[in-house]
Full PDB file with SEQRES, HELIX, SHEET, SSBOND, CRYST1, ORIGX, SCALE, CONECT and MASTER records, all heavy atoms in Angstrom:
SEQRES   1 A   39  ILE ASN SER VAL LEU ASN LEU THR PRO GLU ASP ASP CYS          
SEQRES   2 A   39  PHE SER TYR ILE PRO GLN TYR LYS GLU LYS TYR ARG GLN          
SEQRES   3 A   39  GLY LEU ILE LEU ALA VAL ASP ASP VAL ASP VAL ASN TYR          
HELIX    1 AA1 TYR A   20  ARG A   25  1                                   6    
HELIX    2 AA2 VAL A   35  ASN A   38  1                                   4    
CRYST1    1.000    1.000    1.000  90.00  90.00  90.00 P 1           1          
ORIGX1      1.000000  0.000000  0.000000        0.00000                         
ORIGX2      0.000000  1.000000  0.000000        0.00000                         
ORIGX3      0.000000  0.000000  1.000000        0.00000                         
SCALE1      1.000000  0.000000  0.000000        0.00000                         
SCALE2      0.000000  1.000000  0.000000        0.00000                         
SCALE3      0.000000  0.000000  1.000000        0.00000                         
ATOM      1  N   ILE A   1       0.871  -1.193  -0.013  1.00  0.00           N  
ATOM      2  CA  ILE A   1      -0.009  -0.006   0.001  1.00  0.00           C  
ATOM      3  C   ILE A   1       0.884   1.235   0.007  1.00  0.00           C  
ATOM      4  O   ILE A   1       1.789   1.356   0.840  1.00  0.00           O  
ATOM      5  CB  ILE A   1      -0.925   0.025   1.231  1.00  0.00           C  
ATOM      6  CG1 ILE A   1      -1.753  -1.283   1.318  1.00  0.00           C  
ATOM      7  CG2 ILE A   1      -1.830   1.227   1.192  1.00  0.00           C  
ATOM      8  CD1 ILE A   1      -2.645  -1.501   0.139  1.00  0.00           C  
ATOM      9  N   ASN A   2       0.648   2.121  -0.952  1.00  0.00           N  
ATOM     10  CA  ASN A   2       1.501   3.314  -1.043  1.00  0.00           C  
ATOM     11  C   ASN A   2       1.403   4.187   0.201  1.00  0.00           C  
ATOM     12  O   ASN A   2       0.357   4.281   0.815  1.00  0.00           O  
ATOM     13  CB  ASN A   2       1.076   4.160  -2.279  1.00  0.00           C  
ATOM     14  CG  ASN A   2       1.310   3.436  -3.561  1.00  0.00           C  
ATOM     15  OD1 ASN A   2       2.109   2.499  -3.641  1.00  0.00           O  
ATOM     16  ND2 ASN A   2       0.581   3.827  -4.618  1.00  0.00           N  
ATOM     17  N   SER A   3       2.514   4.785   0.561  1.00  0.00           N  
ATOM     18  CA  SER A   3       2.548   5.685   1.680  1.00  0.00           C  
ATOM     19  C   SER A   3       2.119   7.102   1.249  1.00  0.00           C  
ATOM     20  O   SER A   3       2.538   7.568   0.189  1.00  0.00           O  
ATOM     21  CB  SER A   3       3.938   5.736   2.317  1.00  0.00           C  
ATOM     22  OG  SER A   3       3.978   6.724   3.335  1.00  0.00           O  
ATOM     23  N   VAL A   4       1.272   7.711   2.081  1.00  0.00           N  
ATOM     24  CA  VAL A   4       0.857   9.084   1.798  1.00  0.00           C  
ATOM     25  C   VAL A   4       1.282  10.015   2.944  1.00  0.00           C  
ATOM     26  O   VAL A   4       0.737  11.113   3.089  1.00  0.00           O  
ATOM     27  CB  VAL A   4      -0.678   9.145   1.604  1.00  0.00           C  
ATOM     28  CG1 VAL A   4      -1.093   8.441   0.348  1.00  0.00           C  
ATOM     29  CG2 VAL A   4      -1.418   8.575   2.815  1.00  0.00           C  
ATOM     30  N   LEU A   5       2.203   9.586   3.767  1.00  0.00           N  
ATOM     31  CA  LEU A   5       2.668  10.374   4.922  1.00  0.00           C  
ATOM     32  C   LEU A   5       3.270  11.703   4.464  1.00  0.00           C  
ATOM     33  O   LEU A   5       4.017  11.728   3.471  1.00  0.00           O  
ATOM     34  CB  LEU A   5       3.688   9.569   5.714  1.00  0.00           C  
ATOM     35  CG  LEU A   5       4.088  10.170   7.080  1.00  0.00           C  
ATOM     36  CD1 LEU A   5       2.880  10.235   8.008  1.00  0.00           C  
ATOM     37  CD2 LEU A   5       5.191   9.310   7.728  1.00  0.00           C  
ATOM     38  N   ASN A   6       2.911  12.769   5.143  1.00  0.00           N  
ATOM     39  CA  ASN A   6       3.377  14.134   4.848  1.00  0.00           C  
ATOM     40  C   ASN A   6       2.880  14.679   3.523  1.00  0.00           C  
ATOM     41  O   ASN A   6       3.379  15.668   3.028  1.00  0.00           O  
ATOM     42  CB  ASN A   6       4.884  14.208   4.901  1.00  0.00           C  
ATOM     43  CG  ASN A   6       5.451  13.914   6.263  1.00  0.00           C  
ATOM     44  OD1 ASN A   6       4.866  14.314   7.294  1.00  0.00           O  
ATOM     45  ND2 ASN A   6       6.562  13.199   6.315  1.00  0.00           N  
ATOM     46  N   LEU A   7       1.889  14.001   2.935  1.00  0.00           N  
ATOM     47  CA  LEU A   7       1.338  14.485   1.667  1.00  0.00           C  
ATOM     48  C   LEU A   7       0.495  15.721   1.899  1.00  0.00           C  
ATOM     49  O   LEU A   7      -0.355  15.778   2.799  1.00  0.00           O  
ATOM     50  CB  LEU A   7       0.495  13.384   1.031  1.00  0.00           C  
ATOM     51  CG  LEU A   7      -0.174  13.771  -0.308  1.00  0.00           C  
ATOM     52  CD1 LEU A   7       0.909  13.930  -1.369  1.00  0.00           C  
ATOM     53  CD2 LEU A   7      -1.132  12.634  -0.750  1.00  0.00           C  
ATOM     54  N   THR A   8       0.739  16.737   1.115  1.00  0.00           N  
ATOM     55  CA  THR A   8      -0.030  17.973   1.138  1.00  0.00           C  
ATOM     56  C   THR A   8      -0.662  18.190  -0.246  1.00  0.00           C  
ATOM     57  O   THR A   8       0.013  18.508  -1.193  1.00  0.00           O  
ATOM     58  CB  THR A   8       0.858  19.182   1.485  1.00  0.00           C  
ATOM     59  OG1 THR A   8       1.494  18.925   2.723  1.00  0.00           O  
ATOM     60  CG2 THR A   8       0.045  20.467   1.557  1.00  0.00           C  
ATOM     61  N   PRO A   9      -1.973  18.011  -0.385  1.00  0.00           N  
ATOM     62  CA  PRO A   9      -2.611  18.182  -1.709  1.00  0.00           C  
ATOM     63  C   PRO A   9      -2.387  19.590  -2.210  1.00  0.00           C  
ATOM     64  O   PRO A   9      -2.583  20.595  -1.509  1.00  0.00           O  
ATOM     65  CB  PRO A   9      -4.067  17.936  -1.419  1.00  0.00           C  
ATOM     66  CG  PRO A   9      -4.095  17.097  -0.155  1.00  0.00           C  
ATOM     67  CD  PRO A   9      -2.911  17.582   0.628  1.00  0.00           C  
ATOM     68  N   GLU A  10      -1.936  19.675  -3.469  1.00  0.00           N  
ATOM     69  CA  GLU A  10      -1.649  20.996  -4.034  1.00  0.00           C  
ATOM     70  C   GLU A  10      -2.937  21.722  -4.461  1.00  0.00           C  
ATOM     71  O   GLU A  10      -3.073  22.912  -4.354  1.00  0.00           O  
ATOM     72  CB  GLU A  10      -0.715  20.853  -5.251  1.00  0.00           C  
ATOM     73  CG  GLU A  10       0.640  20.257  -4.890  1.00  0.00           C  
ATOM     74  CD  GLU A  10       1.562  20.135  -6.084  1.00  0.00           C  
ATOM     75  OE1 GLU A  10       1.089  20.470  -7.217  1.00  0.00           O  
ATOM     76  OE2 GLU A  10       2.693  19.685  -5.926  1.00  0.00           O  
ATOM     77  N   ASP A  11      -3.927  20.954  -4.976  1.00  0.00           N  
ATOM     78  CA  ASP A  11      -5.149  21.543  -5.440  1.00  0.00           C  
ATOM     79  C   ASP A  11      -6.211  21.391  -4.356  1.00  0.00           C  
ATOM     80  O   ASP A  11      -6.238  20.403  -3.589  1.00  0.00           O  
ATOM     81  CB  ASP A  11      -5.638  20.855  -6.712  1.00  0.00           C  
ATOM     82  CG  ASP A  11      -4.629  21.001  -7.860  1.00  0.00           C  
ATOM     83  OD1 ASP A  11      -4.001  22.079  -7.917  1.00  0.00           O  
ATOM     84  OD2 ASP A  11      -4.503  20.070  -8.641  1.00  0.00           O  
ATOM     85  N   ASP A  12      -7.125  22.329  -4.338  1.00  0.00           N  
ATOM     86  CA  ASP A  12      -8.246  22.292  -3.390  1.00  0.00           C  
ATOM     87  C   ASP A  12      -9.357  21.456  -4.018  1.00  0.00           C  
ATOM     88  O   ASP A  12     -10.284  21.972  -4.619  1.00  0.00           O  
ATOM     89  CB  ASP A  12      -8.725  23.698  -3.062  1.00  0.00           C  
ATOM     90  CG  ASP A  12      -9.727  23.676  -1.924  1.00  0.00           C  
ATOM     91  OD1 ASP A  12      -9.968  22.576  -1.395  1.00  0.00           O  
ATOM     92  OD2 ASP A  12     -10.277  24.738  -1.571  1.00  0.00           O  
ATOM     93  N   CYS A  13      -9.231  20.097  -3.834  1.00  0.00           N  
ATOM     94  CA  CYS A  13     -10.195  19.178  -4.462  1.00  0.00           C  
ATOM     95  C   CYS A  13     -11.555  19.201  -3.778  1.00  0.00           C  
ATOM     96  O   CYS A  13     -12.512  18.561  -4.274  1.00  0.00           O  
ATOM     97  CB  CYS A  13      -9.612  17.782  -4.489  1.00  0.00           C  
ATOM     98  SG  CYS A  13      -8.094  17.638  -5.454  1.00  0.00           S  
ATOM     99  N   PHE A  14     -11.644  19.795  -2.617  1.00  0.00           N  
ATOM    100  CA  PHE A  14     -12.887  19.746  -1.853  1.00  0.00           C  
ATOM    101  C   PHE A  14     -13.737  21.036  -2.055  1.00  0.00           C  
ATOM    102  O   PHE A  14     -14.753  21.210  -1.394  1.00  0.00           O  
ATOM    103  CB  PHE A  14     -12.590  19.588  -0.376  1.00  0.00           C  
ATOM    104  CG  PHE A  14     -11.738  18.415  -0.074  1.00  0.00           C  
ATOM    105  CD1 PHE A  14     -10.348  18.545   0.066  1.00  0.00           C  
ATOM    106  CD2 PHE A  14     -12.295  17.134   0.112  1.00  0.00           C  
ATOM    107  CE1 PHE A  14      -9.568  17.441   0.342  1.00  0.00           C  
ATOM    108  CE2 PHE A  14     -11.534  16.052   0.385  1.00  0.00           C  
ATOM    109  CZ  PHE A  14     -10.143  16.183   0.491  1.00  0.00           C  
ATOM    110  N   SER A  15     -13.297  21.874  -2.951  1.00  0.00           N  
ATOM    111  CA  SER A  15     -13.984  23.170  -3.074  1.00  0.00           C  
ATOM    112  C   SER A  15     -15.388  23.055  -3.565  1.00  0.00           C  
ATOM    113  O   SER A  15     -16.211  23.925  -3.313  1.00  0.00           O  
ATOM    114  CB  SER A  15     -13.180  24.104  -4.026  1.00  0.00           C  
ATOM    115  OG  SER A  15     -13.043  23.468  -5.309  1.00  0.00           O  
ATOM    116  N   TYR A  16     -15.709  21.959  -4.243  1.00  0.00           N  
ATOM    117  CA  TYR A  16     -17.079  21.813  -4.771  1.00  0.00           C  
ATOM    118  C   TYR A  16     -18.053  21.374  -3.704  1.00  0.00           C  
ATOM    119  O   TYR A  16     -19.262  21.382  -3.896  1.00  0.00           O  
ATOM    120  CB  TYR A  16     -17.078  20.795  -5.937  1.00  0.00           C  
ATOM    121  CG  TYR A  16     -17.071  19.365  -5.517  1.00  0.00           C  
ATOM    122  CD1 TYR A  16     -18.227  18.593  -5.504  1.00  0.00           C  
ATOM    123  CD2 TYR A  16     -15.866  18.757  -5.105  1.00  0.00           C  
ATOM    124  CE1 TYR A  16     -18.208  17.279  -5.100  1.00  0.00           C  
ATOM    125  CE2 TYR A  16     -15.840  17.444  -4.687  1.00  0.00           C  
ATOM    126  CZ  TYR A  16     -17.000  16.707  -4.706  1.00  0.00           C  
ATOM    127  OH  TYR A  16     -16.972  15.394  -4.282  1.00  0.00           O  
ATOM    128  N   ILE A  17     -17.552  20.917  -2.527  1.00  0.00           N  
ATOM    129  CA  ILE A  17     -18.407  20.502  -1.436  1.00  0.00           C  
ATOM    130  C   ILE A  17     -18.693  21.718  -0.547  1.00  0.00           C  
ATOM    131  O   ILE A  17     -17.787  22.233   0.118  1.00  0.00           O  
ATOM    132  CB  ILE A  17     -17.772  19.394  -0.590  1.00  0.00           C  
ATOM    133  CG1 ILE A  17     -17.358  18.222  -1.509  1.00  0.00           C  
ATOM    134  CG2 ILE A  17     -18.709  18.882   0.473  1.00  0.00           C  
ATOM    135  CD1 ILE A  17     -16.617  17.112  -0.793  1.00  0.00           C  
ATOM    136  N   PRO A  18     -19.923  22.217  -0.509  1.00  0.00           N  
ATOM    137  CA  PRO A  18     -20.215  23.431   0.271  1.00  0.00           C  
ATOM    138  C   PRO A  18     -20.079  23.192   1.786  1.00  0.00           C  
ATOM    139  O   PRO A  18     -20.661  22.246   2.335  1.00  0.00           O  
ATOM    140  CB  PRO A  18     -21.663  23.769  -0.112  1.00  0.00           C  
ATOM    141  CG  PRO A  18     -22.255  22.445  -0.575  1.00  0.00           C  
ATOM    142  CD  PRO A  18     -21.116  21.661  -1.156  1.00  0.00           C  
ATOM    143  N   GLN A  19     -19.287  24.060   2.418  1.00  0.00           N  
ATOM    144  CA  GLN A  19     -19.129  24.076   3.866  1.00  0.00           C  
ATOM    145  C   GLN A  19     -18.802  22.694   4.444  1.00  0.00           C  
ATOM    146  O   GLN A  19     -19.303  22.275   5.473  1.00  0.00           O  
ATOM    147  CB  GLN A  19     -20.390  24.607   4.541  1.00  0.00           C  
ATOM    148  CG  GLN A  19     -20.721  26.051   4.178  1.00  0.00           C  
ATOM    149  CD  GLN A  19     -21.967  26.543   4.879  1.00  0.00           C  
ATOM    150  OE1 GLN A  19     -22.797  25.747   5.339  1.00  0.00           O  
ATOM    151  NE2 GLN A  19     -22.103  27.847   4.967  1.00  0.00           N  
ATOM    152  N   TYR A  20     -17.892  21.981   3.765  1.00  0.00           N  
ATOM    153  CA  TYR A  20     -17.594  20.636   4.222  1.00  0.00           C  
ATOM    154  C   TYR A  20     -16.892  20.668   5.559  1.00  0.00           C  
ATOM    155  O   TYR A  20     -17.101  19.763   6.400  1.00  0.00           O  
ATOM    156  CB  TYR A  20     -16.758  19.897   3.157  1.00  0.00           C  
ATOM    157  CG  TYR A  20     -15.287  20.227   3.184  1.00  0.00           C  
ATOM    158  CD1 TYR A  20     -14.371  19.405   3.815  1.00  0.00           C  
ATOM    159  CD2 TYR A  20     -14.808  21.367   2.535  1.00  0.00           C  
ATOM    160  CE1 TYR A  20     -13.031  19.706   3.849  1.00  0.00           C  
ATOM    161  CE2 TYR A  20     -13.475  21.668   2.545  1.00  0.00           C  
ATOM    162  CZ  TYR A  20     -12.574  20.841   3.180  1.00  0.00           C  
ATOM    163  OH  TYR A  20     -11.235  21.139   3.191  1.00  0.00           O  
ATOM    164  N   LYS A  21     -16.055  21.687   5.806  1.00  0.00           N  
ATOM    165  CA  LYS A  21     -15.367  21.759   7.106  1.00  0.00           C  
ATOM    166  C   LYS A  21     -16.361  21.982   8.256  1.00  0.00           C  
ATOM    167  O   LYS A  21     -16.220  21.430   9.331  1.00  0.00           O  
ATOM    168  CB  LYS A  21     -14.327  22.869   7.079  1.00  0.00           C  
ATOM    169  CG  LYS A  21     -13.084  22.535   6.283  1.00  0.00           C  
ATOM    170  CD  LYS A  21     -11.990  23.615   6.477  1.00  0.00           C  
ATOM    171  CE  LYS A  21     -11.448  23.598   7.875  1.00  0.00           C  
ATOM    172  NZ  LYS A  21     -10.328  24.548   8.033  1.00  0.00           N  
ATOM    173  N   GLU A  22     -17.369  22.801   8.010  1.00  0.00           N  
ATOM    174  CA  GLU A  22     -18.359  23.074   9.043  1.00  0.00           C  
ATOM    175  C   GLU A  22     -19.172  21.794   9.342  1.00  0.00           C  
ATOM    176  O   GLU A  22     -19.493  21.530  10.487  1.00  0.00           O  
ATOM    177  CB  GLU A  22     -19.301  24.191   8.594  1.00  0.00           C  
ATOM    178  CG  GLU A  22     -20.398  24.542   9.568  1.00  0.00           C  
ATOM    179  CD  GLU A  22     -19.867  25.028  10.926  1.00  0.00           C  
ATOM    180  OE1 GLU A  22     -18.711  25.481  10.988  1.00  0.00           O  
ATOM    181  OE2 GLU A  22     -20.603  24.903  11.905  1.00  0.00           O  
ATOM    182  N   LYS A  23     -19.457  21.019   8.315  1.00  0.00           N  
ATOM    183  CA  LYS A  23     -20.196  19.760   8.514  1.00  0.00           C  
ATOM    184  C   LYS A  23     -19.390  18.796   9.381  1.00  0.00           C  
ATOM    185  O   LYS A  23     -19.932  18.168  10.283  1.00  0.00           O  
ATOM    186  CB  LYS A  23     -20.548  19.124   7.161  1.00  0.00           C  
ATOM    187  CG  LYS A  23     -21.535  19.941   6.352  1.00  0.00           C  
ATOM    188  CD  LYS A  23     -21.788  19.290   5.026  1.00  0.00           C  
ATOM    189  CE  LYS A  23     -22.784  20.123   4.183  1.00  0.00           C  
ATOM    190  NZ  LYS A  23     -23.008  19.518   2.858  1.00  0.00           N  
ATOM    191  N   TYR A  24     -18.095  18.703   9.093  1.00  0.00           N  
ATOM    192  CA  TYR A  24     -17.246  17.833   9.923  1.00  0.00           C  
ATOM    193  C   TYR A  24     -17.141  18.400  11.356  1.00  0.00           C  
ATOM    194  O   TYR A  24     -17.125  17.615  12.307  1.00  0.00           O  
ATOM    195  CB  TYR A  24     -15.858  17.731   9.297  1.00  0.00           C  
ATOM    196  CG  TYR A  24     -15.771  16.743   8.142  1.00  0.00           C  
ATOM    197  CD1 TYR A  24     -15.267  17.151   6.933  1.00  0.00           C  
ATOM    198  CD2 TYR A  24     -16.190  15.426   8.295  1.00  0.00           C  
ATOM    199  CE1 TYR A  24     -15.189  16.265   5.874  1.00  0.00           C  
ATOM    200  CE2 TYR A  24     -16.109  14.551   7.224  1.00  0.00           C  
ATOM    201  CZ  TYR A  24     -15.598  14.975   6.019  1.00  0.00           C  
ATOM    202  OH  TYR A  24     -15.538  14.088   4.983  1.00  0.00           O  
ATOM    203  N   ARG A  25     -17.071  19.703  11.480  1.00  0.00           N  
ATOM    204  CA  ARG A  25     -16.972  20.304  12.811  1.00  0.00           C  
ATOM    205  C   ARG A  25     -18.194  19.971  13.660  1.00  0.00           C  
ATOM    206  O   ARG A  25     -18.112  19.854  14.878  1.00  0.00           O  
ATOM    207  CB  ARG A  25     -16.785  21.830  12.705  1.00  0.00           C  
ATOM    208  CG  ARG A  25     -16.355  22.507  13.981  1.00  0.00           C  
ATOM    209  CD  ARG A  25     -16.352  24.007  13.852  1.00  0.00           C  
ATOM    210  NE  ARG A  25     -17.718  24.494  13.736  1.00  0.00           N  
ATOM    211  CZ  ARG A  25     -18.543  24.704  14.768  1.00  0.00           C  
ATOM    212  NH1 ARG A  25     -18.149  24.437  15.998  1.00  0.00           N  
ATOM    213  NH2 ARG A  25     -19.755  25.155  14.584  1.00  0.00           N  
ATOM    214  N   GLN A  26     -19.344  19.835  12.998  1.00  0.00           N  
ATOM    215  CA  GLN A  26     -20.575  19.496  13.711  1.00  0.00           C  
ATOM    216  C   GLN A  26     -20.729  18.021  13.981  1.00  0.00           C  
ATOM    217  O   GLN A  26     -21.738  17.596  14.531  1.00  0.00           O  
ATOM    218  CB  GLN A  26     -21.780  20.051  12.925  1.00  0.00           C  
ATOM    219  CG  GLN A  26     -21.844  21.560  12.847  1.00  0.00           C  
ATOM    220  CD  GLN A  26     -23.011  22.073  12.022  1.00  0.00           C  
ATOM    221  OE1 GLN A  26     -23.786  21.280  11.495  1.00  0.00           O  
ATOM    222  NE2 GLN A  26     -23.139  23.369  11.942  1.00  0.00           N  
ATOM    223  N   GLY A  27     -19.729  17.184  13.567  1.00  0.00           N  
ATOM    224  CA  GLY A  27     -19.755  15.784  13.914  1.00  0.00           C  
ATOM    225  C   GLY A  27     -20.072  14.836  12.782  1.00  0.00           C  
ATOM    226  O   GLY A  27     -20.353  13.654  13.057  1.00  0.00           O  
ATOM    227  N   LEU A  28     -20.038  15.268  11.533  1.00  0.00           N  
ATOM    228  CA  LEU A  28     -20.342  14.399  10.406  1.00  0.00           C  
ATOM    229  C   LEU A  28     -19.338  13.249  10.324  1.00  0.00           C  
ATOM    230  O   LEU A  28     -18.100  13.465  10.359  1.00  0.00           O  
ATOM    231  CB  LEU A  28     -20.327  15.182   9.107  1.00  0.00           C  
ATOM    232  CG  LEU A  28     -20.404  14.349   7.830  1.00  0.00           C  
ATOM    233  CD1 LEU A  28     -21.790  13.691   7.698  1.00  0.00           C  
ATOM    234  CD2 LEU A  28     -20.134  15.224   6.602  1.00  0.00           C  
ATOM    235  N   ILE A  29     -19.836  11.997  10.221  1.00  0.00           N  
ATOM    236  CA  ILE A  29     -19.000  10.822   9.926  1.00  0.00           C  
ATOM    237  C   ILE A  29     -19.393  10.354   8.540  1.00  0.00           C  
ATOM    238  O   ILE A  29     -20.543   9.927   8.299  1.00  0.00           O  
ATOM    239  CB  ILE A  29     -19.204   9.733  10.964  1.00  0.00           C  
ATOM    240  CG1 ILE A  29     -18.825  10.253  12.375  1.00  0.00           C  
ATOM    241  CG2 ILE A  29     -18.379   8.490  10.623  1.00  0.00           C  
ATOM    242  CD1 ILE A  29     -19.069   9.249  13.490  1.00  0.00           C  
ATOM    243  N   LEU A  30     -18.469  10.418   7.616  1.00  0.00           N  
ATOM    244  CA  LEU A  30     -18.740  10.135   6.213  1.00  0.00           C  
ATOM    245  C   LEU A  30     -18.251   8.757   5.843  1.00  0.00           C  
ATOM    246  O   LEU A  30     -17.076   8.433   6.028  1.00  0.00           O  
ATOM    247  CB  LEU A  30     -18.062  11.199   5.331  1.00  0.00           C  
ATOM    248  CG  LEU A  30     -18.257  11.026   3.828  1.00  0.00           C  
ATOM    249  CD1 LEU A  30     -19.736  11.179   3.459  1.00  0.00           C  
ATOM    250  CD2 LEU A  30     -17.425  12.024   3.065  1.00  0.00           C  
ATOM    251  N   ALA A  31     -19.170   7.911   5.325  1.00  0.00           N  
ATOM    252  CA  ALA A  31     -18.825   6.567   4.856  1.00  0.00           C  
ATOM    253  C   ALA A  31     -19.003   6.542   3.328  1.00  0.00           C  
ATOM    254  O   ALA A  31     -20.127   6.751   2.830  1.00  0.00           O  
ATOM    255  CB  ALA A  31     -19.711   5.517   5.539  1.00  0.00           C  
ATOM    256  N   VAL A  32     -17.943   6.272   2.625  1.00  0.00           N  
ATOM    257  CA  VAL A  32     -17.973   6.192   1.167  1.00  0.00           C  
ATOM    258  C   VAL A  32     -17.658   4.756   0.751  1.00  0.00           C  
ATOM    259  O   VAL A  32     -16.511   4.316   0.880  1.00  0.00           O  
ATOM    260  CB  VAL A  32     -16.935   7.180   0.539  1.00  0.00           C  
ATOM    261  CG1 VAL A  32     -16.988   7.070  -0.998  1.00  0.00           C  
ATOM    262  CG2 VAL A  32     -17.228   8.601   0.986  1.00  0.00           C  
ATOM    263  N   ASP A  33     -18.663   4.034   0.278  1.00  0.00           N  
ATOM    264  CA  ASP A  33     -18.482   2.624  -0.107  1.00  0.00           C  
ATOM    265  C   ASP A  33     -17.780   2.507  -1.461  1.00  0.00           C  
ATOM    266  O   ASP A  33     -17.058   1.530  -1.699  1.00  0.00           O  
ATOM    267  CB  ASP A  33     -19.818   1.920  -0.151  1.00  0.00           C  
ATOM    268  CG  ASP A  33     -20.496   1.889   1.206  1.00  0.00           C  
ATOM    269  OD1 ASP A  33     -19.797   1.973   2.240  1.00  0.00           O  
ATOM    270  OD2 ASP A  33     -21.760   1.836   1.265  1.00  0.00           O  
ATOM    271  N   ASP A  34     -18.017   3.496  -2.357  1.00  0.00           N  
ATOM    272  CA  ASP A  34     -17.418   3.419  -3.688  1.00  0.00           C  
ATOM    273  C   ASP A  34     -17.019   4.847  -4.076  1.00  0.00           C  
ATOM    274  O   ASP A  34     -17.878   5.665  -4.372  1.00  0.00           O  
ATOM    275  CB  ASP A  34     -18.436   2.861  -4.713  1.00  0.00           C  
ATOM    276  CG  ASP A  34     -17.802   2.598  -6.049  1.00  0.00           C  
ATOM    277  OD1 ASP A  34     -16.707   3.135  -6.325  1.00  0.00           O  
ATOM    278  OD2 ASP A  34     -18.386   1.838  -6.854  1.00  0.00           O  
ATOM    279  N   VAL A  35     -15.717   5.130  -4.068  1.00  0.00           N  
ATOM    280  CA  VAL A  35     -15.255   6.505  -4.349  1.00  0.00           C  
ATOM    281  C   VAL A  35     -15.535   6.891  -5.802  1.00  0.00           C  
ATOM    282  O   VAL A  35     -15.738   8.059  -6.102  1.00  0.00           O  
ATOM    283  CB  VAL A  35     -13.759   6.632  -3.991  1.00  0.00           C  
ATOM    284  CG1 VAL A  35     -13.521   6.416  -2.535  1.00  0.00           C  
ATOM    285  CG2 VAL A  35     -12.912   5.704  -4.851  1.00  0.00           C  
ATOM    286  N   ASP A  36     -15.534   5.909  -6.702  1.00  0.00           N  
ATOM    287  CA  ASP A  36     -15.782   6.240  -8.104  1.00  0.00           C  
ATOM    288  C   ASP A  36     -17.194   6.761  -8.307  1.00  0.00           C  
ATOM    289  O   ASP A  36     -17.412   7.681  -9.116  1.00  0.00           O  
ATOM    290  CB  ASP A  36     -15.586   4.988  -8.963  1.00  0.00           C  
ATOM    291  CG  ASP A  36     -14.133   4.538  -8.972  1.00  0.00           C  
ATOM    292  OD1 ASP A  36     -13.225   5.385  -8.769  1.00  0.00           O  
ATOM    293  OD2 ASP A  36     -13.865   3.324  -9.167  1.00  0.00           O  
ATOM    294  N   VAL A  37     -18.145   6.203  -7.577  1.00  0.00           N  
ATOM    295  CA  VAL A  37     -19.543   6.667  -7.693  1.00  0.00           C  
ATOM    296  C   VAL A  37     -19.748   7.980  -6.965  1.00  0.00           C  
ATOM    297  O   VAL A  37     -20.347   8.890  -7.490  1.00  0.00           O  
ATOM    298  CB  VAL A  37     -20.481   5.561  -7.162  1.00  0.00           C  
ATOM    299  CG1 VAL A  37     -21.924   6.065  -7.145  1.00  0.00           C  
ATOM    300  CG2 VAL A  37     -20.390   4.305  -7.991  1.00  0.00           C  
ATOM    301  N   ASN A  38     -19.242   8.044  -5.727  1.00  0.00           N  
ATOM    302  CA  ASN A  38     -19.477   9.254  -4.889  1.00  0.00           C  
ATOM    303  C   ASN A  38     -18.796  10.500  -5.432  1.00  0.00           C  
ATOM    304  O   ASN A  38     -19.306  11.592  -5.275  1.00  0.00           O  
ATOM    305  CB  ASN A  38     -18.998   8.994  -3.473  1.00  0.00           C  
ATOM    306  CG  ASN A  38     -19.956   8.134  -2.684  1.00  0.00           C  
ATOM    307  OD1 ASN A  38     -20.074   6.948  -2.929  1.00  0.00           O  
ATOM    308  ND2 ASN A  38     -20.677   8.732  -1.699  1.00  0.00           N  
ATOM    309  N   TYR A  39     -17.603  10.338  -6.034  1.00  0.00           N  
ATOM    310  CA  TYR A  39     -16.832  11.521  -6.477  1.00  0.00           C  
ATOM    311  C   TYR A  39     -16.737  11.585  -7.996  1.00  0.00           C  
ATOM    312  O   TYR A  39     -15.755  12.108  -8.532  1.00  0.00           O  
ATOM    313  CB  TYR A  39     -15.431  11.469  -5.881  1.00  0.00           C  
ATOM    314  CG  TYR A  39     -15.454  11.479  -4.349  1.00  0.00           C  
ATOM    315  CD1 TYR A  39     -14.863  10.458  -3.617  1.00  0.00           C  
ATOM    316  CD2 TYR A  39     -16.137  12.484  -3.659  1.00  0.00           C  
ATOM    317  CE1 TYR A  39     -14.870  10.441  -2.240  1.00  0.00           C  
ATOM    318  CE2 TYR A  39     -16.148  12.479  -2.261  1.00  0.00           C  
ATOM    319  CZ  TYR A  39     -15.539  11.465  -1.563  1.00  0.00           C  
ATOM    320  OH  TYR A  39     -15.580  11.455  -0.201  1.00  0.00           O  
TER     321      TYR A  39                                                      
MASTER        0    0    0    2    0    0    0    6  320    1    0    3          
END                                                                             
C-alpha cells in the first residue's frame, strides 16, 4: 500500500463541497463505499 505520509494536496479538491469543514466540525461521519460513484 502506497505511503501518503506528509502528503499535502496541491489543489483544493474539496472546493465543490459546500461548507464541508463546518459539517465535519458539527460531527459528520462520512462513509464512502465506492469512491468512483461518490466523487
